[in-house]
Amino acid sequence: MKTPILGIHHVTAIAGDPQTNVDFYAGVLGLRLIKKTVNFDDPSTYHLYYGDGVGSPGTVMTFFPRARVRRGVLGSGQTSTTTFAVPENSLAYWRQRLEETLVRTADLTRFGAPGLSFADPDGLRLELIESSGPEQNRQPWDGSSVPVEHAIRGFDSVTLLHADSATTERLLVAAMGFRQVAADGQRVRYESGGGGSGAFVDLLHDPNMAPGRVAGGSVHHVAFRVADDDAEAEWQNRLSEAGHPTTEVKDRMYFHSVYFREPGGVLFELATDNPGFATDESVDQLGSELRLPPWIESHRNRIEQVLPSLEDPQRKDTGVAA
């Protein structure tokens, strides 16, 4: 395969109150709110993007927030944990920061690397893992209260939870080009592309786990990186030939996407690295205004009346259209 899957592109989850979401991911975790737009399939709902200073592929966590959303149920067929990479010797800082904001943490070790586990305000399960991998060369966002030397560098891995992980494993290895690189009990690690932190997918096997329900506090889908449109088309053909047809290409403004559901039930996306998040606002102004795709721009007034105002703790003067 000439065009491998390069790693994790973004992870999208469902949240409750949008202001609480911004306060946690921009305020507590110190990620940059890089894009404030709407769910293109439901423009009455925000789609909020957080990442490093420029929204590099592999750093972006996104949310569909809706107040009073029902809480999801963790179970088989879900992405159970999203893990971020932080620099070595950063955990003491993060433990204190999270606990000062009343976020309960627990220590963990993941394949020899120390980390912390915790949950966001909606119960979404998160981890921070110390890493010296290539993602440490990224330029982290320096506009938050988190010191740059401790700032989140992007994703380390995602964990897929399955009562039976055999068919998902076959998809990852046989169809998507992942390689098994480690195992620890019922957890098996796979990597794609050049490998390393940011390219890991862990399959966690629990035969006693009942099916989950995706709702508030759940990951909606995991997106994997492909270089460009040609690579995406190549992957569409390869997946179709392997019995995993995708959707047609969706224009998400900042990347182009196709979707398919893996055999265990998790929704997968392939997303292009280009064109990036500075297509409709400058890098300096990322996340400062509500951005809409051209095909719904004519409905801006109605959309702004429905969406609640937001205040970015890193940009105090922001609102729906500020």
Foldseek 3Di string as FASTA:
>chain_A
DVWAFAFFFEFEAEAEDPQLVLCCVCVQQVWDFQAWEADPVDLLWIKTWTAFLFSFGQGIYIYGYHHPKDAKFDFWQFFQEWEFEWAPPQAVVSCVSCVVVVWDWDWDADPNWIKIWTAGPQRAIYMYTHDPDPLVPDQGHPLYPDHRNGHTSGTFEIEHEHQDCVQVVCCCVVQRPWDWDDDDVQKTWIAMDPDGGRGIYIYGHDNPTDDMGGMHNGTQAIEIETAADVRVVVSQVSCVVVVWHWDPWDCPPAWIWIWTAGPRNHIYIYTHSDDGSPPPHHSVCRNQAYDYDPVCVVVVVVSLVSDFWYANPSHGPGTHGD
